[in-house]
Amino acid sequence: MSGGSRRVLVFSGNMLNDIDDEHVVTMEVIEHAVPLSVATGAGGWVRYTWLDHVPKESLTRQLGEVPEELMQRLSTRLFMVIATD
């Protein structure tokens, strides 16, 4: 990730906040495992507790689709963190 670019997973839905349609909720995608991260299966890790909301227009290119199984795992773990905090 050179030049200040970063990879994020767009986590859509209104379970966290009501934010306007011009923004999306994101999770950081990183190259190495850290606590509270889930393997993507493509050599990356998603930090599911590092949520942000960004304007849709700031997103540049889509690198791929996230498998449904991974999204379910992320949603479950995020819910567990929120419910036990």
PDB file of N, CA and C in Angstrom:
ATOM      1  N   MET A   1       0.843  -1.176   0.000  1.00  0.00           N
ATOM      2  CA  MET A   1       0.000   0.000   0.000  1.00  0.00           C
ATOM      3  C   MET A   1       0.888   1.239   0.000  1.00  0.00           C
ATOM      4  N   SER A   2       1.295   1.623  -1.148  1.00  0.00           N
ATOM      5  CA  SER A   2       2.165   2.786  -1.248  1.00  0.00           C
ATOM      6  C   SER A   2       1.372   4.014  -1.654  1.00  0.00           C
ATOM      7  N   GLY A   3       1.994   5.169  -1.472  1.00  0.00           N
ATOM      8  CA  GLY A   3       1.361   6.403  -1.901  1.00  0.00           C
ATOM      9  C   GLY A   3       0.174   6.826  -1.068  1.00  0.00           C
ATOM     10  N   GLY A   4       0.074   6.348   0.157  1.00  0.00           N
ATOM     11  CA  GLY A   4      -1.018   6.771   1.030  1.00  0.00           C
ATOM     12  C   GLY A   4      -2.347   6.098   0.747  1.00  0.00           C
ATOM     13  N   SER A   5      -2.385   5.153  -0.185  1.00  0.00           N
ATOM     14  CA  SER A   5      -3.650   4.466  -0.452  1.00  0.00           C
ATOM     15  C   SER A   5      -3.877   3.404   0.616  1.00  0.00           C
ATOM     16  N   ARG A   6      -5.118   3.050   0.799  1.00  0.00           N
ATOM     17  CA  ARG A   6      -5.446   1.990   1.747  1.00  0.00           C
ATOM     18  C   ARG A   6      -6.582   1.171   1.185  1.00  0.00           C
ATOM     19  N   ARG A   7      -6.694  -0.051   1.674  1.00  0.00           N
ATOM     20  CA  ARG A   7      -7.769  -0.935   1.227  1.00  0.00           C
ATOM     21  C   ARG A   7      -8.803  -1.028   2.334  1.00  0.00           C
ATOM     22  N   VAL A   8     -10.049  -1.005   1.938  1.00  0.00           N
ATOM     23  CA  VAL A   8     -11.142  -1.131   2.902  1.00  0.00           C
ATOM     24  C   VAL A   8     -12.186  -2.090   2.354  1.00  0.00           C
ATOM     25  N   LEU A   9     -12.922  -2.677   3.267  1.00  0.00           N
ATOM     26  CA  LEU A   9     -14.079  -3.487   2.926  1.00  0.00           C
ATOM     27  C   LEU A   9     -15.294  -2.610   3.184  1.00  0.00           C
ATOM     28  N   VAL A  10     -16.149  -2.464   2.196  1.00  0.00           N
ATOM     29  CA  VAL A  10     -17.367  -1.673   2.377  1.00  0.00           C
ATOM     30  C   VAL A  10     -18.386  -2.559   3.081  1.00  0.00           C
ATOM     31  N   PHE A  11     -18.782  -2.135   4.277  1.00  0.00           N
ATOM     32  CA  PHE A  11     -19.711  -2.886   5.118  1.00  0.00           C
ATOM     33  C   PHE A  11     -21.019  -2.128   5.101  1.00  0.00           C
ATOM     34  N   SER A  12     -21.916  -2.484   4.201  1.00  0.00           N
ATOM     35  CA  SER A  12     -23.159  -1.737   4.054  1.00  0.00           C
ATOM     36  C   SER A  12     -24.202  -2.230   5.032  1.00  0.00           C
ATOM     37  N   GLY A  13     -25.210  -1.430   5.221  1.00  0.00           N
ATOM     38  CA  GLY A  13     -26.294  -1.774   6.130  1.00  0.00           C
ATOM     39  C   GLY A  13     -26.453  -0.713   7.192  1.00  0.00           C
ATOM     40  N   ASN A  14     -27.579  -0.712   7.846  1.00  0.00           N
ATOM     41  CA  ASN A  14     -27.883   0.314   8.838  1.00  0.00           C
ATOM     42  C   ASN A  14     -27.859  -0.218  10.260  1.00  0.00           C
ATOM     43  N   MET A  15     -27.125  -1.301  10.524  1.00  0.00           N
ATOM     44  CA  MET A  15     -27.129  -1.851  11.872  1.00  0.00           C
ATOM     45  C   MET A  15     -26.357  -0.987  12.855  1.00  0.00           C
ATOM     46  N   LEU A  16     -25.464  -0.122  12.364  1.00  0.00           N
ATOM     47  CA  LEU A  16     -24.628   0.660  13.265  1.00  0.00           C
ATOM     48  C   LEU A  16     -25.122   2.082  13.439  1.00  0.00           C
ATOM     49  N   ASN A  17     -25.426   2.738  12.382  1.00  0.00           N
ATOM     50  CA  ASN A  17     -25.840   4.139  12.406  1.00  0.00           C
ATOM     51  C   ASN A  17     -26.749   4.412  11.224  1.00  0.00           C
ATOM     52  N   ASP A  18     -27.501   5.462  11.346  1.00  0.00           N
ATOM     53  CA  ASP A  18     -28.221   5.968  10.186  1.00  0.00           C
ATOM     54  C   ASP A  18     -27.344   7.048   9.576  1.00  0.00           C
ATOM     55  N   ILE A  19     -26.662   6.701   8.518  1.00  0.00           N
ATOM     56  CA  ILE A  19     -25.828   7.681   7.828  1.00  0.00           C
ATOM     57  C   ILE A  19     -26.415   7.886   6.443  1.00  0.00           C
ATOM     58  N   ASP A  20     -26.182   9.075   5.908  1.00  0.00           N
ATOM     59  CA  ASP A  20     -26.811   9.382   4.623  1.00  0.00           C
ATOM     60  C   ASP A  20     -26.260   8.498   3.506  1.00  0.00           C
ATOM     61  N   ASP A  21     -26.977   8.485   2.397  1.00  0.00           N
ATOM     62  CA  ASP A  21     -26.630   7.626   1.266  1.00  0.00           C
ATOM     63  C   ASP A  21     -25.323   8.000   0.597  1.00  0.00           C
ATOM     64  N   GLU A  22     -24.779   9.157   0.923  1.00  0.00           N
ATOM     65  CA  GLU A  22     -23.525   9.571   0.298  1.00  0.00           C
ATOM     66  C   GLU A  22     -22.313   8.965   0.997  1.00  0.00           C
ATOM     67  N   HIS A  23     -22.527   8.261   2.115  1.00  0.00           N
ATOM     68  CA  HIS A  23     -21.440   7.656   2.880  1.00  0.00           C
ATOM     69  C   HIS A  23     -21.625   6.140   2.975  1.00  0.00           C
ATOM     70  N   VAL A  24     -20.525   5.435   3.224  1.00  0.00           N
ATOM     71  CA  VAL A  24     -20.565   4.000   3.480  1.00  0.00           C
ATOM     72  C   VAL A  24     -19.747   3.705   4.732  1.00  0.00           C
ATOM     73  N   VAL A  25     -20.106   2.624   5.424  1.00  0.00           N
ATOM     74  CA  VAL A  25     -19.338   2.152   6.567  1.00  0.00           C
ATOM     75  C   VAL A  25     -18.260   1.213   6.024  1.00  0.00           C
ATOM     76  N   THR A  26     -17.019   1.378   6.497  1.00  0.00           N
ATOM     77  CA  THR A  26     -15.913   0.563   6.013  1.00  0.00           C
ATOM     78  C   THR A  26     -15.184  -0.118   7.165  1.00  0.00           C
ATOM     79  N   MET A  27     -14.471  -1.191   6.826  1.00  0.00           N
ATOM     80  CA  MET A  27     -13.558  -1.887   7.726  1.00  0.00           C
ATOM     81  C   MET A  27     -12.202  -1.919   7.036  1.00  0.00           C
ATOM     82  N   GLU A  28     -11.139  -1.717   7.789  1.00  0.00           N
ATOM     83  CA  GLU A  28      -9.778  -1.685   7.243  1.00  0.00           C
ATOM     84  C   GLU A  28      -9.325  -3.081   6.814  1.00  0.00           C
ATOM     85  N   VAL A  29      -8.692  -3.178   5.647  1.00  0.00           N
ATOM     86  CA  VAL A  29      -8.080  -4.416   5.165  1.00  0.00           C
ATOM     87  C   VAL A  29      -6.572  -4.244   5.279  1.00  0.00           C
ATOM     88  N   ILE A  30      -5.919  -5.189   5.957  1.00  0.00           N
ATOM     89  CA  ILE A  30      -4.479  -5.092   6.207  1.00  0.00           C
ATOM     90  C   ILE A  30      -3.772  -6.345   5.702  1.00  0.00           C
ATOM     91  N   GLU A  31      -2.436  -6.320   5.709  1.00  0.00           N
ATOM     92  CA  GLU A  31      -1.651  -7.417   5.152  1.00  0.00           C
ATOM     93  C   GLU A  31      -1.255  -8.476   6.168  1.00  0.00           C
ATOM     94  N   HIS A  32      -1.290  -8.160   7.482  1.00  0.00           N
ATOM     95  CA  HIS A  32      -0.845  -9.091   8.514  1.00  0.00           C
ATOM     96  C   HIS A  32      -1.913  -9.239   9.589  1.00  0.00           C
ATOM     97  N   ALA A  33      -1.957 -10.408  10.205  1.00  0.00           N
ATOM     98  CA  ALA A  33      -2.929 -10.676  11.270  1.00  0.00           C
ATOM     99  C   ALA A  33      -2.645  -9.816  12.495  1.00  0.00           C
ATOM    100  N   VAL A  34      -3.701  -9.295  13.088  1.00  0.00           N
ATOM    101  CA  VAL A  34      -3.649  -8.570  14.358  1.00  0.00           C
ATOM    102  C   VAL A  34      -4.841  -9.052  15.180  1.00  0.00           C
ATOM    103  N   PRO A  35      -4.847  -8.781  16.489  1.00  0.00           N
ATOM    104  CA  PRO A  35      -6.031  -9.153  17.266  1.00  0.00           C
ATOM    105  C   PRO A  35      -7.296  -8.527  16.672  1.00  0.00           C
ATOM    106  N   LEU A  36      -8.381  -9.239  16.770  1.00  0.00           N
ATOM    107  CA  LEU A  36      -9.686  -8.804  16.269  1.00  0.00           C
ATOM    108  C   LEU A  36      -9.681  -8.577  14.756  1.00  0.00           C
ATOM    109  N   SER A  37      -9.071  -9.532  14.044  1.00  0.00           N
ATOM    110  CA  SER A  37      -9.109  -9.496  12.584  1.00  0.00           C
ATOM    111  C   SER A  37      -9.511 -10.875  12.068  1.00  0.00           C
ATOM    112  N   VAL A  38     -10.011 -10.910  10.837  1.00  0.00           N
ATOM    113  CA  VAL A  38     -10.465 -12.143  10.197  1.00  0.00           C
ATOM    114  C   VAL A  38      -9.736 -12.276   8.864  1.00  0.00           C
ATOM    115  N   ALA A  39      -9.230 -13.480   8.583  1.00  0.00           N
ATOM    116  CA  ALA A  39      -8.541 -13.731   7.315  1.00  0.00           C
ATOM    117  C   ALA A  39      -9.527 -13.650   6.158  1.00  0.00           C
ATOM    118  N   THR A  40      -9.097 -13.020   5.074  1.00  0.00           N
ATOM    119  CA  THR A  40      -9.962 -12.895   3.902  1.00  0.00           C
ATOM    120  C   THR A  40      -9.900 -14.117   3.003  1.00  0.00           C
ATOM    121  N   GLY A  41      -8.850 -14.905   3.132  1.00  0.00           N
ATOM    122  CA  GLY A  41      -8.655 -16.039   2.235  1.00  0.00           C
ATOM    123  C   GLY A  41      -7.897 -15.644   0.985  1.00  0.00           C
ATOM    124  N   ALA A  42      -7.642 -14.358   0.815  1.00  0.00           N
ATOM    125  CA  ALA A  42      -6.900 -13.863  -0.346  1.00  0.00           C
ATOM    126  C   ALA A  42      -5.593 -13.212   0.102  1.00  0.00           C
ATOM    127  N   GLY A  43      -5.102 -13.618   1.273  1.00  0.00           N
ATOM    128  CA  GLY A  43      -3.838 -13.090   1.770  1.00  0.00           C
ATOM    129  C   GLY A  43      -3.956 -11.831   2.600  1.00  0.00           C
ATOM    130  N   GLY A  44      -5.149 -11.370   2.868  1.00  0.00           N
ATOM    131  CA  GLY A  44      -5.346 -10.167   3.676  1.00  0.00           C
ATOM    132  C   GLY A  44      -6.127 -10.472   4.939  1.00  0.00           C
ATOM    133  N   TRP A  45      -6.285  -9.461   5.766  1.00  0.00           N
ATOM    134  CA  TRP A  45      -7.023  -9.562   7.021  1.00  0.00           C
ATOM    135  C   TRP A  45      -7.927  -8.353   7.146  1.00  0.00           C
ATOM    136  N   VAL A  46      -9.122  -8.540   7.687  1.00  0.00           N
ATOM    137  CA  VAL A  46     -10.068  -7.441   7.894  1.00  0.00           C
ATOM    138  C   VAL A  46     -10.125  -7.149   9.388  1.00  0.00           C
ATOM    139  N   ARG A  47      -9.875  -5.887   9.749  1.00  0.00           N
ATOM    140  CA  ARG A  47      -9.972  -5.454  11.146  1.00  0.00           C
ATOM    141  C   ARG A  47     -11.425  -5.068  11.399  1.00  0.00           C
ATOM    142  N   TYR A  48     -12.191  -5.979  11.943  1.00  0.00           N
ATOM    143  CA  TYR A  48     -13.632  -5.767  12.038  1.00  0.00           C
ATOM    144  C   TYR A  48     -14.043  -4.816  13.146  1.00  0.00           C
ATOM    145  N   THR A  49     -13.146  -4.392  13.997  1.00  0.00           N
ATOM    146  CA  THR A  49     -13.500  -3.390  15.013  1.00  0.00           C
ATOM    147  C   THR A  49     -13.014  -1.999  14.625  1.00  0.00           C
ATOM    148  N   TRP A  50     -12.342  -1.858  13.501  1.00  0.00           N
ATOM    149  CA  TRP A  50     -11.870  -0.552  13.021  1.00  0.00           C
ATOM    150  C   TRP A  50     -12.857  -0.025  11.989  1.00  0.00           C
ATOM    151  N   LEU A  51     -13.995   0.437  12.462  1.00  0.00           N
ATOM    152  CA  LEU A  51     -15.036   0.937  11.569  1.00  0.00           C
ATOM    153  C   LEU A  51     -14.827   2.416  11.291  1.00  0.00           C
ATOM    154  N   ASP A  52     -15.195   2.816  10.103  1.00  0.00           N
ATOM    155  CA  ASP A  52     -15.117   4.215   9.700  1.00  0.00           C
ATOM    156  C   ASP A  52     -16.293   4.466   8.766  1.00  0.00           C
ATOM    157  N   HIS A  53     -16.596   5.710   8.530  1.00  0.00           N
ATOM    158  CA  HIS A  53     -17.568   6.021   7.482  1.00  0.00           C
ATOM    159  C   HIS A  53     -16.927   7.065   6.584  1.00  0.00           C
ATOM    160  N   VAL A  54     -17.018   6.818   5.307  1.00  0.00           N
ATOM    161  CA  VAL A  54     -16.359   7.674   4.323  1.00  0.00           C
ATOM    162  C   VAL A  54     -17.342   8.018   3.212  1.00  0.00           C
ATOM    163  N   PRO A  55     -17.117   9.155   2.544  1.00  0.00           N
ATOM    164  CA  PRO A  55     -17.953   9.484   1.385  1.00  0.00           C
ATOM    165  C   PRO A  55     -17.735   8.460   0.268  1.00  0.00           C
ATOM    166  N   LYS A  56     -18.808   8.049  -0.367  1.00  0.00           N
ATOM    167  CA  LYS A  56     -18.695   7.101  -1.479  1.00  0.00           C
ATOM    168  C   LYS A  56     -17.750   7.618  -2.555  1.00  0.00           C
ATOM    169  N   GLU A  57     -17.762   8.925  -2.772  1.00  0.00           N
ATOM    170  CA  GLU A  57     -16.930   9.490  -3.845  1.00  0.00           C
ATOM    171  C   GLU A  57     -15.434   9.357  -3.564  1.00  0.00           C
ATOM    172  N   SER A  58     -15.047   9.081  -2.307  1.00  0.00           N
ATOM    173  CA  SER A  58     -13.626   8.933  -1.992  1.00  0.00           C
ATOM    174  C   SER A  58     -13.101   7.540  -2.331  1.00  0.00           C
ATOM    175  N   LEU A  59     -14.000   6.602  -2.615  1.00  0.00           N
ATOM    176  CA  LEU A  59     -13.582   5.256  -2.993  1.00  0.00           C
ATOM    177  C   LEU A  59     -13.163   5.273  -4.452  1.00  0.00           C
ATOM    178  N   THR A  60     -12.037   4.649  -4.753  1.00  0.00           N
ATOM    179  CA  THR A  60     -11.530   4.710  -6.119  1.00  0.00           C
ATOM    180  C   THR A  60     -11.916   3.490  -6.936  1.00  0.00           C
ATOM    181  N   ARG A  61     -11.315   2.357  -6.683  1.00  0.00           N
ATOM    182  CA  ARG A  61     -11.629   1.201  -7.522  1.00  0.00           C
ATOM    183  C   ARG A  61     -12.002  -0.002  -6.673  1.00  0.00           C
ATOM    184  N   GLN A  62     -12.871  -0.807  -7.217  1.00  0.00           N
ATOM    185  CA  GLN A  62     -13.311  -2.033  -6.545  1.00  0.00           C
ATOM    186  C   GLN A  62     -12.363  -3.155  -6.929  1.00  0.00           C
ATOM    187  N   LEU A  63     -11.825  -3.836  -5.908  1.00  0.00           N
ATOM    188  CA  LEU A  63     -10.869  -4.908  -6.166  1.00  0.00           C
ATOM    189  C   LEU A  63     -11.513  -6.283  -6.230  1.00  0.00           C
ATOM    190  N   GLY A  64     -12.741  -6.416  -5.751  1.00  0.00           N
ATOM    191  CA  GLY A  64     -13.400  -7.711  -5.799  1.00  0.00           C
ATOM    192  C   GLY A  64     -14.612  -7.771  -4.901  1.00  0.00           C
ATOM    193  N   GLU A  65     -15.251  -8.912  -4.908  1.00  0.00           N
ATOM    194  CA  GLU A  65     -16.426  -9.168  -4.080  1.00  0.00           C
ATOM    195  C   GLU A  65     -16.009  -9.983  -2.864  1.00  0.00           C
ATOM    196  N   VAL A  66     -16.714  -9.795  -1.761  1.00  0.00           N
ATOM    197  CA  VAL A  66     -16.447 -10.539  -0.534  1.00  0.00           C
ATOM    198  C   VAL A  66     -17.413 -11.719  -0.470  1.00  0.00           C
ATOM    199  N   PRO A  67     -16.892 -12.928  -0.252  1.00  0.00           N
ATOM    200  CA  PRO A  67     -17.781 -14.091  -0.159  1.00  0.00           C
ATOM    201  C   PRO A  67     -18.780 -13.943   0.992  1.00  0.00           C
ATOM    202  N   GLU A  68     -19.972 -14.477   0.797  1.00  0.00           N
ATOM    203  CA  GLU A  68     -21.030 -14.371   1.806  1.00  0.00           C
ATOM    204  C   GLU A  68     -20.592 -14.962   3.145  1.00  0.00           C
ATOM    205  N   GLU A  69     -19.854 -16.074   3.111  1.00  0.00           N
ATOM    206  CA  GLU A  69     -19.388 -16.722   4.346  1.00  0.00           C
ATOM    207  C   GLU A  69     -18.498 -15.779   5.155  1.00  0.00           C
ATOM    208  N   LEU A  70     -17.630 -15.034   4.482  1.00  0.00           N
ATOM    209  CA  LEU A  70     -16.759 -14.078   5.174  1.00  0.00           C
ATOM    210  C   LEU A  70     -17.580 -12.941   5.771  1.00  0.00           C
ATOM    211  N   MET A  71     -18.558 -12.435   5.039  1.00  0.00           N
ATOM    212  CA  MET A  71     -19.404 -11.360   5.576  1.00  0.00           C
ATOM    213  C   MET A  71     -20.190 -11.836   6.790  1.00  0.00           C
ATOM    214  N   GLN A  72     -20.662 -13.073   6.765  1.00  0.00           N
ATOM    215  CA  GLN A  72     -21.380 -13.613   7.922  1.00  0.00           C
ATOM    216  C   GLN A  72     -20.460 -13.716   9.135  1.00  0.00           C
ATOM    217  N   ARG A  73     -19.227 -14.169   8.915  1.00  0.00           N
ATOM    218  CA  ARG A  73     -18.262 -14.281  10.012  1.00  0.00           C
ATOM    219  C   ARG A  73     -17.931 -12.905  10.584  1.00  0.00           C
ATOM    220  N   LEU A  74     -17.723 -11.920   9.714  1.00  0.00           N
ATOM    221  CA  LEU A  74     -17.445 -10.553  10.169  1.00  0.00           C
ATOM    222  C   LEU A  74     -18.615  -9.986  10.962  1.00  0.00           C
ATOM    223  N   SER A  75     -19.820 -10.169  10.455  1.00  0.00           N
ATOM    224  CA  SER A  75     -21.013  -9.659  11.139  1.00  0.00           C
ATOM    225  C   SER A  75     -21.180 -10.303  12.510  1.00  0.00           C
ATOM    226  N   THR A  76     -20.969 -11.615  12.582  1.00  0.00           N
ATOM    227  CA  THR A  76     -21.100 -12.323  13.859  1.00  0.00           C
ATOM    228  C   THR A  76     -20.077 -11.830  14.868  1.00  0.00           C
ATOM    229  N   ARG A  77     -18.828 -11.706  14.450  1.00  0.00           N
ATOM    230  CA  ARG A  77     -17.787 -11.263  15.384  1.00  0.00           C
ATOM    231  C   ARG A  77     -17.987  -9.815  15.803  1.00  0.00           C
ATOM    232  N   LEU A  78     -18.399  -8.969  14.873  1.00  0.00           N
ATOM    233  CA  LEU A  78     -18.668  -7.576  15.225  1.00  0.00           C
ATOM    234  C   LEU A  78     -19.809  -7.502  16.227  1.00  0.00           C
ATOM    235  N   PHE A  79     -20.863  -8.274  16.011  1.00  0.00           N
ATOM    236  CA  PHE A  79     -21.986  -8.291  16.942  1.00  0.00           C
ATOM    237  C   PHE A  79     -21.538  -8.765  18.322  1.00  0.00           C
ATOM    238  N   MET A  80     -20.680  -9.789  18.369  1.00  0.00           N
ATOM    239  CA  MET A  80     -20.197 -10.297  19.654  1.00  0.00           C
ATOM    240  C   MET A  80     -19.405  -9.229  20.400  1.00  0.00           C
ATOM    241  N   VAL A  81     -18.597  -8.459  19.686  1.00  0.00           N
ATOM    242  CA  VAL A  81     -17.826  -7.386  20.322  1.00  0.00           C
ATOM    243  C   VAL A  81     -18.761  -6.305  20.847  1.00  0.00           C
ATOM    244  N   ILE A  82     -19.731  -5.909  20.041  1.00  0.00           N
ATOM    245  CA  ILE A  82     -20.675  -4.866  20.460  1.00  0.00           C
ATOM    246  C   ILE A  82     -21.501  -5.347  21.650  1.00  0.00           C
ATOM    247  N   ALA A  83     -21.948  -6.590  21.617  1.00  0.00           N
ATOM    248  CA  ALA A  83     -22.818  -7.121  22.670  1.00  0.00           C
ATOM    249  C   ALA A  83     -22.090  -7.357  23.985  1.00  0.00           C
ATOM    250  N   THR A  84     -20.776  -7.566  23.944  1.00  0.00           N
ATOM    251  CA  THR A  84     -20.031  -7.863  25.171  1.00  0.00           C
ATOM    252  C   THR A  84     -19.214  -6.694  25.678  1.00  0.00           C
ATOM    253  N   ASP A  85     -19.247  -5.584  24.989  1.00  0.00           N
ATOM    254  CA  ASP A  85     -18.436  -4.431  25.381  1.00  0.00           C
ATOM    255  C   ASP A  85     -18.997  -3.757  26.611  1.00  0.00           C
TER     256      ASP A  85
END
